[in-house]
């Protein structure tokens, strides 16, 4: 027997409870897992990409915008479309992620470091969660934390196969991985209604959030 078994046996003996057979423990575990799955909030769509996009653009929930592209190589064009729609220039802070650095950003003015008055930041999220319309960022050399806080417009790129259904799926996906110094869960633009109950966007971070979903199954770009 292991030390763990010794401790559990001592606890059972002190409680006067007989040890449960392994089969009974396994059955209880299966029942609890099924109960957890049944209690999960229902997603608006069975397809995770559609569910995430719907939650992300829901005015009552997140209120962000979204663009869908077929390849990561199409990301600069998607960023340019967003900038044109909002009357913005092409100067931006780019996350130092190798996948983004390898793209063709011709015509853009890229900033290696973000400033306090940065208009735009473009970053690649580690995960997205369809249940809440949330982007997940892990801090690290290729993902500086300030990119999520300082720009007026935060443009987040996420690959379709990195979209998870529910929050607990994120915990499962990262099980056993080395934890980062910071994890940022971003659900919509920054906002507060502390003063007179009026919503003020950009109070503690970006005033606008825009998602760019890389979906290889897409035939042509799609915005909403």
Foldseek 3Di string as FASTA:
>chain_A
DDPVVVVVVVVCVVVVHDDDDPVVVVVVVVVVVVVVVVPDDDFPDPQLVVLLQCLCCDCVAANAKEKEAADPLCVLVVVVVVCVVVVHAQEEEEQQDPSVVPHDNPRHHYDPDDDQEGAEYEEEFQAAESVRSKTKHFDDNRHHPCLFFRHQEYEYEYESVRYHHHPVVVVVVCPPPDHGPDMDIDRHFDWDLPPPRDIDTNPGGHRHYYYYYHHNPDPHMDID
